[in-house]
Amino acid sequence: MSPDRVHALIVAPNAVGDVETASWIVEAQRLAGRPQRDPLIDIFGVGPVYEQRLLDAGLFTFEQVGQMTVEELRAIIKPKAWQNADFAAWIDEARLLAQQVRDGTYRKGRY
């Protein structure tokens, strides 16, 4: 793509009316509607595998995890019989972390 074309897309994306531009705009609008992604792995007991299961289920923020029930989390995580996940503690910690995010005091982050 030429520098002039890139400039045109940045300055006036709606002025260039081809399929490439239209798909770029649609993708940007789709992404704008997504919730911010919090590092769910920061919840004690959530490792990379469990975090991915939460993300796959559409949970991206501490706020969302904090609104879940123990039963909902169990259905998403599907722990084996020998795995002892404390979903009630996850919910409590997610609510605390969500409040810190809202207050601007969240600093834990592993990313």
N, C-alpha and C. Protein backbone atom coordinates (compact mmCIF):
# COMPACT_ATOMS: atom_id res chain seq x y z
N MET A 1 0.85 -1.16 0.00
CA MET A 1 0.00 0.00 0.00
C MET A 1 0.90 1.23 0.00
N SER A 2 0.57 2.18 -0.83
CA SER A 2 1.40 3.37 -0.96
C SER A 2 1.25 4.28 0.26
N PRO A 3 2.27 5.10 0.53
CA PRO A 3 2.17 6.03 1.65
C PRO A 3 0.98 6.98 1.50
N ASP A 4 0.68 7.40 0.26
CA ASP A 4 -0.46 8.29 0.04
C ASP A 4 -1.78 7.60 0.42
N ARG A 5 -1.87 6.32 0.10
CA ARG A 5 -3.09 5.55 0.42
C ARG A 5 -3.23 5.40 1.94
N VAL A 6 -2.13 5.11 2.63
CA VAL A 6 -2.16 4.99 4.08
C VAL A 6 -2.59 6.32 4.69
N HIS A 7 -2.03 7.41 4.20
CA HIS A 7 -2.38 8.74 4.69
C HIS A 7 -3.87 9.02 4.48
N ALA A 8 -4.38 8.67 3.31
CA ALA A 8 -5.80 8.89 3.02
C ALA A 8 -6.69 8.09 3.96
N LEU A 9 -6.28 6.87 4.27
CA LEU A 9 -7.08 6.05 5.18
C LEU A 9 -7.09 6.60 6.59
N ILE A 10 -5.97 7.16 7.01
CA ILE A 10 -5.87 7.70 8.37
C ILE A 10 -6.61 9.03 8.48
N VAL A 11 -6.39 9.91 7.52
CA VAL A 11 -6.98 11.25 7.58
C VAL A 11 -8.48 11.23 7.32
N ALA A 12 -8.91 10.48 6.32
CA ALA A 12 -10.33 10.47 5.96
C ALA A 12 -10.75 9.07 5.54
N PRO A 13 -10.87 8.16 6.49
CA PRO A 13 -11.16 6.78 6.13
C PRO A 13 -12.48 6.60 5.40
N ASN A 14 -13.45 7.46 5.64
CA ASN A 14 -14.73 7.33 4.96
C ASN A 14 -14.70 7.89 3.54
N ALA A 15 -13.70 8.68 3.22
CA ALA A 15 -13.63 9.29 1.90
C ALA A 15 -13.17 8.30 0.83
N VAL A 16 -12.46 7.27 1.23
CA VAL A 16 -11.98 6.28 0.28
C VAL A 16 -12.98 5.13 0.33
N GLY A 17 -13.76 4.97 -0.72
CA GLY A 17 -14.90 4.07 -0.64
C GLY A 17 -14.71 2.71 -1.27
N ASP A 18 -13.60 2.03 -1.02
CA ASP A 18 -13.45 0.69 -1.57
C ASP A 18 -13.66 -0.37 -0.49
N VAL A 19 -13.65 -1.61 -0.88
CA VAL A 19 -13.92 -2.72 0.03
C VAL A 19 -12.88 -2.80 1.14
N GLU A 20 -11.62 -2.57 0.79
CA GLU A 20 -10.54 -2.63 1.79
C GLU A 20 -10.79 -1.64 2.92
N THR A 21 -11.14 -0.41 2.56
CA THR A 21 -11.41 0.62 3.56
C THR A 21 -12.64 0.27 4.37
N ALA A 22 -13.68 -0.17 3.71
CA ALA A 22 -14.92 -0.50 4.41
C ALA A 22 -14.67 -1.60 5.44
N SER A 23 -13.91 -2.62 5.08
CA SER A 23 -13.65 -3.70 6.03
C SER A 23 -12.80 -3.21 7.19
N TRP A 24 -11.88 -2.29 6.94
CA TRP A 24 -11.07 -1.71 8.00
C TRP A 24 -11.94 -0.95 8.99
N ILE A 25 -12.88 -0.19 8.49
CA ILE A 25 -13.77 0.58 9.36
C ILE A 25 -14.67 -0.35 10.17
N VAL A 26 -15.21 -1.37 9.53
CA VAL A 26 -16.07 -2.33 10.22
C VAL A 26 -15.29 -3.02 11.33
N GLU A 27 -14.05 -3.42 11.05
CA GLU A 27 -13.22 -4.10 12.06
C GLU A 27 -12.92 -3.16 13.22
N ALA A 28 -12.61 -1.90 12.94
CA ALA A 28 -12.34 -0.93 14.00
C ALA A 28 -13.58 -0.72 14.87
N GLN A 29 -14.74 -0.64 14.25
CA GLN A 29 -15.97 -0.46 15.02
C GLN A 29 -16.26 -1.69 15.88
N ARG A 30 -15.99 -2.88 15.34
CA ARG A 30 -16.21 -4.11 16.09
C ARG A 30 -15.30 -4.15 17.32
N LEU A 31 -14.04 -3.81 17.12
CA LEU A 31 -13.08 -3.84 18.23
C LEU A 31 -13.38 -2.77 19.27
N ALA A 32 -13.92 -1.65 18.84
CA ALA A 32 -14.25 -0.57 19.77
C ALA A 32 -15.33 -0.99 20.76
N GLY A 33 -16.17 -1.92 20.37
CA GLY A 33 -17.24 -2.38 21.25
C GLY A 33 -16.80 -3.44 22.24
N ARG A 34 -15.59 -3.94 22.11
CA ARG A 34 -15.09 -4.98 23.02
C ARG A 34 -14.70 -4.37 24.35
N PRO A 35 -14.94 -5.11 25.43
CA PRO A 35 -14.48 -4.60 26.73
C PRO A 35 -12.95 -4.64 26.81
N GLN A 36 -12.42 -3.76 27.64
CA GLN A 36 -10.98 -3.76 27.89
C GLN A 36 -10.60 -5.12 28.46
N ARG A 37 -9.43 -5.59 28.16
CA ARG A 37 -8.99 -6.88 28.68
C ARG A 37 -8.11 -6.67 29.90
N ASP A 38 -8.54 -7.25 31.01
CA ASP A 38 -7.74 -7.24 32.24
C ASP A 38 -6.92 -8.53 32.30
N PRO A 39 -5.78 -8.51 32.99
CA PRO A 39 -4.98 -9.73 33.14
C PRO A 39 -5.62 -10.67 34.15
N LEU A 40 -6.55 -11.48 33.69
CA LEU A 40 -7.30 -12.37 34.58
C LEU A 40 -6.38 -13.34 35.31
N ILE A 41 -5.20 -13.56 34.77
CA ILE A 41 -4.22 -14.45 35.41
C ILE A 41 -3.77 -13.90 36.76
N ASP A 42 -4.07 -12.63 37.02
CA ASP A 42 -3.71 -12.03 38.31
C ASP A 42 -4.63 -12.47 39.44
N ILE A 43 -5.72 -13.12 39.11
CA ILE A 43 -6.60 -13.67 40.15
C ILE A 43 -5.92 -14.93 40.68
N PHE A 44 -5.73 -15.00 41.99
CA PHE A 44 -5.04 -16.13 42.59
C PHE A 44 -5.75 -17.44 42.23
N GLY A 45 -5.00 -18.37 41.67
CA GLY A 45 -5.55 -19.66 41.25
C GLY A 45 -5.86 -19.75 39.77
N VAL A 46 -5.80 -18.61 39.07
CA VAL A 46 -6.03 -18.60 37.62
C VAL A 46 -4.67 -18.62 36.93
N GLY A 47 -4.40 -19.70 36.23
CA GLY A 47 -3.17 -19.81 35.46
C GLY A 47 -3.48 -19.58 33.99
N PRO A 48 -2.50 -19.80 33.13
CA PRO A 48 -2.69 -19.56 31.69
C PRO A 48 -3.84 -20.37 31.07
N VAL A 49 -3.99 -21.62 31.47
CA VAL A 49 -5.05 -22.46 30.90
C VAL A 49 -6.42 -21.96 31.33
N TYR A 50 -6.58 -21.69 32.61
CA TYR A 50 -7.87 -21.20 33.10
C TYR A 50 -8.17 -19.82 32.54
N GLU A 51 -7.15 -18.97 32.42
CA GLU A 51 -7.38 -17.65 31.85
C GLU A 51 -7.90 -17.78 30.42
N GLN A 52 -7.30 -18.68 29.65
CA GLN A 52 -7.75 -18.86 28.27
C GLN A 52 -9.19 -19.36 28.21
N ARG A 53 -9.56 -20.21 29.14
CA ARG A 53 -10.96 -20.70 29.17
C ARG A 53 -11.91 -19.55 29.48
N LEU A 54 -11.51 -18.66 30.38
CA LEU A 54 -12.34 -17.50 30.68
C LEU A 54 -12.46 -16.59 29.45
N LEU A 55 -11.35 -16.35 28.78
CA LEU A 55 -11.37 -15.52 27.59
C LEU A 55 -12.23 -16.15 26.49
N ASP A 56 -12.09 -17.45 26.31
CA ASP A 56 -12.88 -18.16 25.30
C ASP A 56 -14.38 -18.07 25.60
N ALA A 57 -14.71 -17.93 26.88
CA ALA A 57 -16.11 -17.81 27.28
C ALA A 57 -16.62 -16.37 27.18
N GLY A 58 -15.75 -15.46 26.75
CA GLY A 58 -16.16 -14.06 26.60
C GLY A 58 -15.97 -13.21 27.83
N LEU A 59 -15.22 -13.71 28.79
CA LEU A 59 -14.92 -12.93 30.00
C LEU A 59 -13.55 -12.29 29.83
N PHE A 60 -13.52 -10.96 29.76
CA PHE A 60 -12.29 -10.24 29.51
C PHE A 60 -11.86 -9.35 30.67
N THR A 61 -12.77 -9.08 31.59
CA THR A 61 -12.47 -8.13 32.66
C THR A 61 -12.73 -8.73 34.04
N PHE A 62 -12.09 -8.10 35.03
CA PHE A 62 -12.33 -8.49 36.42
C PHE A 62 -13.81 -8.28 36.75
N GLU A 63 -14.36 -7.20 36.24
CA GLU A 63 -15.77 -6.88 36.47
C GLU A 63 -16.67 -8.03 36.03
N GLN A 64 -16.41 -8.57 34.86
CA GLN A 64 -17.22 -9.67 34.34
C GLN A 64 -17.08 -10.92 35.20
N VAL A 65 -15.86 -11.24 35.60
CA VAL A 65 -15.64 -12.43 36.45
C VAL A 65 -16.33 -12.22 37.80
N GLY A 66 -16.27 -11.01 38.33
CA GLY A 66 -16.91 -10.71 39.61
C GLY A 66 -18.42 -10.82 39.58
N GLN A 67 -19.01 -10.79 38.41
CA GLN A 67 -20.47 -10.91 38.29
C GLN A 67 -20.93 -12.35 38.07
N MET A 68 -19.99 -13.26 37.94
CA MET A 68 -20.33 -14.66 37.71
C MET A 68 -20.72 -15.34 39.02
N THR A 69 -21.35 -16.49 38.90
CA THR A 69 -21.64 -17.32 40.08
C THR A 69 -20.62 -18.45 40.12
N VAL A 70 -20.53 -19.10 41.26
CA VAL A 70 -19.63 -20.25 41.40
C VAL A 70 -19.98 -21.30 40.36
N GLU A 71 -21.25 -21.55 40.18
CA GLU A 71 -21.70 -22.58 39.24
C GLU A 71 -21.33 -22.22 37.80
N GLU A 72 -21.46 -20.95 37.44
CA GLU A 72 -21.11 -20.50 36.08
C GLU A 72 -19.61 -20.67 35.83
N LEU A 73 -18.80 -20.28 36.81
CA LEU A 73 -17.36 -20.44 36.65
C LEU A 73 -16.97 -21.91 36.55
N ARG A 74 -17.59 -22.74 37.36
CA ARG A 74 -17.31 -24.18 37.32
C ARG A 74 -17.64 -24.74 35.92
N ALA A 75 -18.74 -24.29 35.33
CA ALA A 75 -19.13 -24.75 34.00
C ALA A 75 -18.14 -24.28 32.93
N ILE A 76 -17.57 -23.11 33.11
CA ILE A 76 -16.59 -22.58 32.14
C ILE A 76 -15.25 -23.28 32.29
N ILE A 77 -14.77 -23.41 33.52
CA ILE A 77 -13.43 -23.94 33.79
C ILE A 77 -13.41 -25.46 33.64
N LYS A 78 -14.49 -26.12 34.03
CA LYS A 78 -14.56 -27.58 33.95
C LYS A 78 -13.36 -28.26 34.61
N PRO A 79 -13.16 -27.99 35.90
CA PRO A 79 -12.00 -28.59 36.57
C PRO A 79 -12.16 -30.10 36.71
N LYS A 80 -11.04 -30.78 36.69
CA LYS A 80 -11.04 -32.24 36.94
C LYS A 80 -11.35 -32.47 38.42
N ALA A 81 -11.73 -33.67 38.75
CA ALA A 81 -12.10 -33.99 40.14
C ALA A 81 -10.97 -33.68 41.11
N TRP A 82 -9.73 -33.84 40.69
CA TRP A 82 -8.60 -33.63 41.59
C TRP A 82 -8.18 -32.16 41.67
N GLN A 83 -8.74 -31.30 40.81
CA GLN A 83 -8.40 -29.88 40.84
C GLN A 83 -9.30 -29.15 41.82
N ASN A 84 -8.70 -28.37 42.67
CA ASN A 84 -9.45 -27.70 43.72
C ASN A 84 -9.42 -26.19 43.48
N ALA A 85 -10.31 -25.71 42.63
CA ALA A 85 -10.41 -24.28 42.35
C ALA A 85 -11.42 -23.65 43.30
N ASP A 86 -11.03 -22.57 43.94
CA ASP A 86 -11.91 -21.86 44.87
C ASP A 86 -12.59 -20.73 44.13
N PHE A 87 -13.70 -21.06 43.45
CA PHE A 87 -14.38 -20.08 42.60
C PHE A 87 -14.96 -18.92 43.39
N ALA A 88 -15.40 -19.17 44.61
CA ALA A 88 -15.91 -18.07 45.45
C ALA A 88 -14.81 -17.05 45.72
N ALA A 89 -13.60 -17.53 45.97
CA ALA A 89 -12.46 -16.63 46.20
C ALA A 89 -12.11 -15.87 44.92
N TRP A 90 -12.22 -16.55 43.76
CA TRP A 90 -11.98 -15.87 42.49
C TRP A 90 -12.93 -14.69 42.32
N ILE A 91 -14.20 -14.94 42.61
CA ILE A 91 -15.22 -13.90 42.46
C ILE A 91 -14.93 -12.73 43.39
N ASP A 92 -14.61 -13.03 44.64
CA ASP A 92 -14.29 -11.97 45.61
C ASP A 92 -13.09 -11.16 45.16
N GLU A 93 -12.03 -11.85 44.74
CA GLU A 93 -10.82 -11.14 44.31
C GLU A 93 -11.09 -10.35 43.04
N ALA A 94 -11.86 -10.89 42.12
CA ALA A 94 -12.18 -10.19 40.87
C ALA A 94 -12.94 -8.90 41.18
N ARG A 95 -13.85 -8.95 42.13
CA ARG A 95 -14.59 -7.74 42.51
C ARG A 95 -13.66 -6.69 43.10
N LEU A 96 -12.72 -7.12 43.93
CA LEU A 96 -11.75 -6.21 44.53
C LEU A 96 -10.86 -5.59 43.44
N LEU A 97 -10.37 -6.42 42.54
CA LEU A 97 -9.52 -5.92 41.45
C LEU A 97 -10.29 -5.00 40.52
N ALA A 98 -11.55 -5.31 40.26
CA ALA A 98 -12.40 -4.46 39.42
C ALA A 98 -12.55 -3.08 40.06
N GLN A 99 -12.73 -3.05 41.37
CA GLN A 99 -12.84 -1.77 42.07
C GLN A 99 -11.54 -0.98 41.96
N GLN A 100 -10.40 -1.68 42.07
CA GLN A 100 -9.11 -1.00 41.92
C GLN A 100 -8.95 -0.45 40.51
N VAL A 101 -9.40 -1.19 39.51
CA VAL A 101 -9.35 -0.69 38.12
C VAL A 101 -10.20 0.57 38.01
N ARG A 102 -11.40 0.55 38.55
CA ARG A 102 -12.28 1.72 38.50
C ARG A 102 -11.67 2.92 39.22
N ASP A 103 -11.01 2.66 40.35
CA ASP A 103 -10.40 3.73 41.14
C ASP A 103 -9.06 4.21 40.58
N GLY A 104 -8.51 3.45 39.65
CA GLY A 104 -7.21 3.80 39.10
C GLY A 104 -6.05 3.39 39.98
N THR A 105 -6.28 2.48 40.92
CA THR A 105 -5.22 2.06 41.84
C THR A 105 -4.69 0.66 41.54
N TYR A 106 -5.21 0.01 40.51
CA TYR A 106 -4.77 -1.35 40.19
C TYR A 106 -3.33 -1.31 39.69
N ARG A 107 -2.46 -2.11 40.31
CA ARG A 107 -1.05 -2.11 39.93
C ARG A 107 -0.45 -3.52 39.84
N LYS A 108 -1.25 -4.53 40.07
CA LYS A 108 -0.70 -5.88 40.19
C LYS A 108 -0.09 -6.35 38.88
N GLY A 109 -0.85 -6.37 37.82
CA GLY A 109 -0.51 -6.79 36.47
C GLY A 109 0.74 -7.60 36.23
N ARG A 110 0.58 -8.70 35.55
CA ARG A 110 1.71 -9.54 35.15
C ARG A 110 2.12 -9.31 33.72
N TYR A 111 1.36 -8.51 32.97
CA TYR A 111 1.67 -8.29 31.54
C TYR A 111 2.47 -7.03 31.37
